[in-house]
Amino acid sequence: MSPLRRIFFSAGLLLALGQAAAQTASSTETTPPVSPEVTALPVIADAAHDPVWRDLLAQLAPTQTRQARFEERRYFPFRSTPVVLTGEIRIVPDRGLSLHYLTPRSLVLIADARGLLMRDEEGRERAAPDDSRTQAATTALVNVLRFNLPELQKSFSLHGRREGERWTLGFEPRDPALAETVGSLLLSGEDLQLRKIELIRSARQRIEILIGETQDNVIFTGDTVRRFFR
């Protein structure tokens, strides 16, 4: 198994998280413009040339089919415990990403060049909203997971800390509208493995993703491709 076995499955998760964050943006809780958990990290002024970060970031790129399990925890100010969802995500470079929620109910979210599509367990489909706010959030979040540095530096201020093999990256949106939609982002991992993704809108409203068992170079059958892609 490749040492990169965990890294880019989270792109599809972030697409779903961006949609979830947009749906909860109407909460009455005031959202701070930037999470203190991000601003507490040192600023990365030029990640492409920073010797602490350039080699790590250069290697975090999807090049093959992958499949992973995940657990998603959604925290809201009006709930004492998080909403927990579980599922699996598949990626095929020339087809896009497919996020399959298994619990609490079955739902497939497909992200590809044509946009976002939701498909229920009966096969009924519904396109996600095609508004400018959703598109901007989706583009920004995908650039985060692709580590597309030129585009990232247009949308975010980068922060980070490395301690041995452990690392944390923080993304502070430059655009207030983007900050309101997706909040601040924290990615943490060890060596070349992404362990956790956080979208933080406030101290009591956030989404956390724990990345689990992952397989590389998966051969998806025709039935699997038809079910989870388009």
Protein backbone atom coordinates (compact mmCIF):
# COMPACT_ATOMS: atom_id res chain seq x y z
CA MET A 1 0.00 0.00 0.00
CA SER A 2 1.33 3.43 -0.93
CA PRO A 3 2.37 5.80 1.91
CA LEU A 4 -0.11 8.23 0.34
CA ARG A 5 -2.93 5.81 0.99
CA ARG A 6 -5.09 8.22 3.01
CA ILE A 7 -4.54 11.57 1.46
CA PHE A 8 -6.92 12.61 -1.29
CA PHE A 9 -10.02 10.66 -0.45
CA SER A 10 -10.99 13.62 1.66
CA ALA A 11 -11.60 15.77 -1.42
CA GLY A 12 -15.04 14.22 -1.85
CA LEU A 13 -15.67 14.60 1.84
CA LEU A 14 -14.91 18.28 1.64
CA LEU A 15 -17.33 18.72 -1.21
CA ALA A 16 -20.05 17.28 0.99
CA LEU A 17 -18.85 19.33 3.92
CA GLY A 18 -18.97 22.50 1.90
CA GLN A 19 -22.59 21.78 1.07
CA ALA A 20 -23.36 20.98 4.71
CA ALA A 21 -21.66 24.14 5.89
CA ALA A 22 -23.63 26.22 3.42
CA GLN A 23 -26.86 24.65 4.65
CA THR A 24 -26.03 25.52 8.27
CA ALA A 25 -24.76 29.03 7.54
CA SER A 26 -28.15 30.42 8.50
CA SER A 27 -27.56 29.50 12.14
CA THR A 28 -28.27 32.29 14.60
CA GLU A 29 -24.85 31.82 16.19
CA THR A 30 -22.41 34.53 15.18
CA THR A 31 -19.52 33.08 13.19
CA PRO A 32 -16.07 34.58 13.82
CA PRO A 33 -14.21 35.45 10.60
CA VAL A 34 -11.28 33.15 11.41
CA SER A 35 -10.83 30.30 13.86
CA PRO A 36 -8.23 30.98 16.59
CA GLU A 37 -7.09 27.38 16.07
CA VAL A 38 -5.88 28.45 12.62
CA THR A 39 -4.41 31.84 13.52
CA ALA A 40 -2.47 30.23 16.40
CA LEU A 41 -0.40 28.38 13.79
CA PRO A 42 2.63 30.08 12.19
CA VAL A 43 1.96 31.75 8.83
CA ILE A 44 3.36 29.95 5.76
CA ALA A 45 4.31 32.88 3.55
CA ASP A 46 5.48 30.92 0.49
CA ALA A 47 4.76 27.21 0.81
CA ALA A 48 6.16 26.39 -2.64
CA HIS A 49 9.64 27.50 -1.56
CA ASP A 50 9.49 26.88 2.18
CA PRO A 51 11.90 23.97 2.97
CA VAL A 52 9.68 22.90 5.88
CA TRP A 53 6.65 22.39 3.62
CA ARG A 54 7.54 22.18 -0.05
CA ASP A 55 8.46 18.46 -0.17
CA LEU A 56 5.41 17.36 1.81
CA LEU A 57 2.98 19.47 -0.21
CA ALA A 58 4.54 18.40 -3.51
CA GLN A 59 3.76 14.75 -2.77
CA LEU A 60 0.13 15.16 -1.79
CA ALA A 61 -1.53 14.60 -5.16
CA PRO A 62 -4.06 12.01 -6.40
CA THR A 63 -2.76 9.85 -9.24
CA GLN A 64 -4.70 6.58 -8.93
CA THR A 65 -7.99 4.98 -7.96
CA ARG A 66 -8.62 4.84 -4.24
CA GLN A 67 -11.27 3.79 -1.76
CA ALA A 68 -11.50 4.66 1.94
CA ARG A 69 -13.81 4.52 4.93
CA PHE A 70 -14.58 7.58 7.00
CA GLU A 71 -16.50 8.81 10.03
CA GLU A 72 -18.00 12.30 9.92
CA ARG A 73 -19.03 14.20 13.05
CA ARG A 74 -21.19 17.32 12.73
CA TYR A 75 -21.34 19.61 15.77
CA PHE A 76 -24.15 22.16 16.08
CA PRO A 77 -24.83 24.77 18.79
CA PHE A 78 -28.34 23.43 19.32
CA ARG A 79 -27.22 19.82 20.00
CA SER A 80 -25.33 18.43 23.00
CA THR A 81 -23.84 15.57 20.98
CA PRO A 82 -22.58 15.46 17.39
CA VAL A 83 -24.47 13.98 14.46
CA VAL A 84 -22.37 11.01 13.34
CA LEU A 85 -22.31 9.71 9.77
CA THR A 86 -20.21 6.94 8.29
CA GLY A 87 -19.44 5.89 4.77
CA GLU A 88 -16.89 5.28 2.09
CA ILE A 89 -15.42 7.34 -0.71
CA ARG A 90 -14.15 6.33 -4.13
CA ILE A 91 -11.99 8.26 -6.55
CA VAL A 92 -11.34 7.59 -10.23
CA PRO A 93 -9.11 10.32 -11.72
CA ASP A 94 -10.93 10.57 -15.05
CA ARG A 95 -14.44 10.29 -13.55
CA GLY A 96 -14.31 12.25 -10.32
CA LEU A 97 -15.23 11.51 -6.73
CA SER A 98 -18.07 9.48 -5.23
CA LEU A 99 -19.06 9.79 -1.58
CA HIS A 100 -21.29 6.98 -0.31
CA TYR A 101 -22.93 7.63 3.05
CA LEU A 102 -23.86 4.34 4.74
CA THR A 103 -25.34 5.62 8.01
CA PRO A 104 -27.68 7.00 9.18
CA ARG A 105 -29.08 6.50 5.67
CA SER A 106 -27.76 5.48 2.29
CA LEU A 107 -26.95 8.36 -0.04
CA VAL A 108 -24.42 8.84 -2.85
CA LEU A 109 -22.88 12.22 -3.64
CA ILE A 110 -21.03 12.42 -6.98
CA ALA A 111 -18.63 15.26 -7.78
CA ASP A 112 -17.26 15.50 -11.31
CA ALA A 113 -16.71 17.94 -14.16
CA ARG A 114 -20.48 18.33 -14.54
CA GLY A 115 -20.97 19.43 -10.93
CA LEU A 116 -22.57 17.78 -7.90
CA LEU A 117 -25.23 15.07 -8.06
CA MET A 118 -27.06 13.33 -5.21
CA ARG A 119 -28.44 9.83 -5.75
CA ASP A 120 -30.59 7.94 -3.24
CA GLU A 121 -30.73 4.19 -2.73
CA GLU A 122 -33.62 3.88 -5.22
CA GLY A 123 -31.49 5.54 -7.88
CA ARG A 124 -33.39 8.84 -7.89
CA GLU A 125 -31.14 11.79 -8.67
CA ARG A 126 -31.08 15.45 -7.74
CA ALA A 127 -28.49 18.01 -8.78
CA ALA A 128 -27.00 20.18 -6.04
CA PRO A 129 -27.65 23.94 -6.20
CA ASP A 130 -25.64 25.56 -8.98
CA ASP A 131 -25.31 28.98 -7.36
CA SER A 132 -22.14 31.06 -7.27
CA ARG A 133 -21.66 30.61 -3.51
CA THR A 134 -21.75 26.82 -3.70
CA GLN A 135 -19.46 26.80 -6.74
CA ALA A 136 -16.92 29.08 -5.04
CA ALA A 137 -16.91 26.92 -1.93
CA THR A 138 -16.56 23.71 -3.94
CA THR A 139 -13.67 25.09 -6.02
CA ALA A 140 -11.83 26.37 -2.99
CA LEU A 141 -12.22 23.13 -1.06
CA VAL A 142 -11.06 20.99 -3.98
CA ASN A 143 -7.98 23.21 -4.36
CA VAL A 144 -7.20 22.60 -0.68
CA LEU A 145 -7.12 18.84 -1.16
CA ARG A 146 -5.25 19.08 -4.45
CA PHE A 147 -2.68 21.34 -2.78
CA ASN A 148 -2.82 23.57 -5.83
CA LEU A 149 -0.59 26.24 -4.30
CA PRO A 150 -1.06 29.06 -6.85
CA GLU A 151 -4.85 28.79 -6.52
CA LEU A 152 -4.71 28.19 -2.78
CA GLN A 153 -2.78 31.38 -2.19
CA LYS A 154 -5.49 33.30 -4.08
CA SER A 155 -8.24 31.99 -1.80
CA PHE A 156 -6.51 31.33 1.54
CA SER A 157 -3.78 32.44 3.88
CA LEU A 158 -1.85 29.31 4.84
CA HIS A 159 -0.76 28.43 8.38
CA GLY A 160 1.01 25.34 9.64
CA ARG A 161 3.19 23.55 12.14
CA ARG A 162 5.37 20.42 11.85
CA GLU A 163 6.59 18.48 14.86
CA GLY A 164 8.57 15.44 13.79
CA GLU A 165 6.33 13.40 11.49
CA ARG A 166 3.16 15.13 12.70
CA TRP A 167 1.83 18.15 10.87
CA THR A 168 -1.13 20.53 10.91
CA LEU A 169 -2.21 22.86 8.10
CA GLY A 170 -4.67 25.70 8.54
CA PHE A 171 -6.51 27.55 5.75
CA GLU A 172 -7.86 31.05 6.43
CA PRO A 173 -10.25 32.26 3.70
CA ARG A 174 -9.38 35.66 2.26
CA ASP A 175 -12.95 36.32 1.08
CA PRO A 176 -15.46 36.95 3.93
CA ALA A 177 -18.21 35.26 1.90
CA LEU A 178 -16.09 32.10 1.59
CA ALA A 179 -15.31 32.24 5.30
CA GLU A 180 -19.03 32.44 6.06
CA THR A 181 -19.76 29.42 3.86
CA VAL A 182 -16.98 26.99 4.75
CA GLY A 183 -15.38 28.53 7.83
CA SER A 184 -11.73 27.89 8.59
CA LEU A 185 -10.11 24.58 7.68
CA LEU A 186 -7.67 22.42 9.62
CA LEU A 187 -5.97 19.35 8.16
CA SER A 188 -3.79 17.18 10.35
CA GLY A 189 -1.79 14.06 9.71
CA GLU A 190 1.38 12.13 10.21
CA ASP A 191 4.11 11.70 7.61
CA LEU A 192 2.17 11.48 4.31
CA GLN A 193 -1.08 10.28 5.88
CA LEU A 194 -4.04 12.59 6.37
CA ARG A 195 -5.78 11.67 9.61
CA LYS A 196 -8.33 14.40 10.24
CA ILE A 197 -10.16 17.24 8.49
CA GLU A 198 -12.01 19.99 10.34
CA LEU A 199 -14.29 22.73 9.01
CA ILE A 200 -14.70 25.23 11.81
CA ARG A 201 -17.43 27.89 11.77
CA SER A 202 -17.36 28.64 15.51
CA ALA A 203 -16.39 27.06 18.81
CA ARG A 204 -19.68 25.10 18.81
CA GLN A 205 -20.27 24.56 15.12
CA ARG A 206 -17.85 22.43 13.18
CA ILE A 207 -17.53 19.30 11.07
CA GLU A 208 -14.82 16.73 11.71
CA ILE A 209 -13.78 13.88 9.42
CA LEU A 210 -11.71 10.93 10.57
CA ILE A 211 -10.08 9.06 7.68
CA GLY A 212 -9.99 5.29 8.12
CA GLU A 213 -8.92 2.20 6.21
CA THR A 214 -7.80 3.01 2.66
CA GLN A 215 -6.93 1.00 -0.45
CA ASP A 216 -4.95 2.15 -3.49
CA ASN A 217 -5.16 1.01 -7.12
CA VAL A 218 -8.65 -0.39 -6.65
CA ILE A 219 -10.20 -2.03 -9.71
CA PHE A 220 -13.85 -0.98 -9.80
CA THR A 221 -16.24 -3.26 -11.70
CA GLY A 222 -18.69 -1.92 -14.28
CA ASP A 223 -21.59 -2.25 -11.82
CA THR A 224 -19.66 -0.28 -9.19
CA VAL A 225 -18.82 2.48 -11.67
CA ARG A 226 -22.46 2.76 -12.76
CA ARG A 227 -23.69 2.85 -9.17
CA PHE A 228 -21.24 5.37 -7.77
CA PHE A 229 -20.30 7.54 -10.78
CA ARG A 230 -22.00 8.87 -13.91
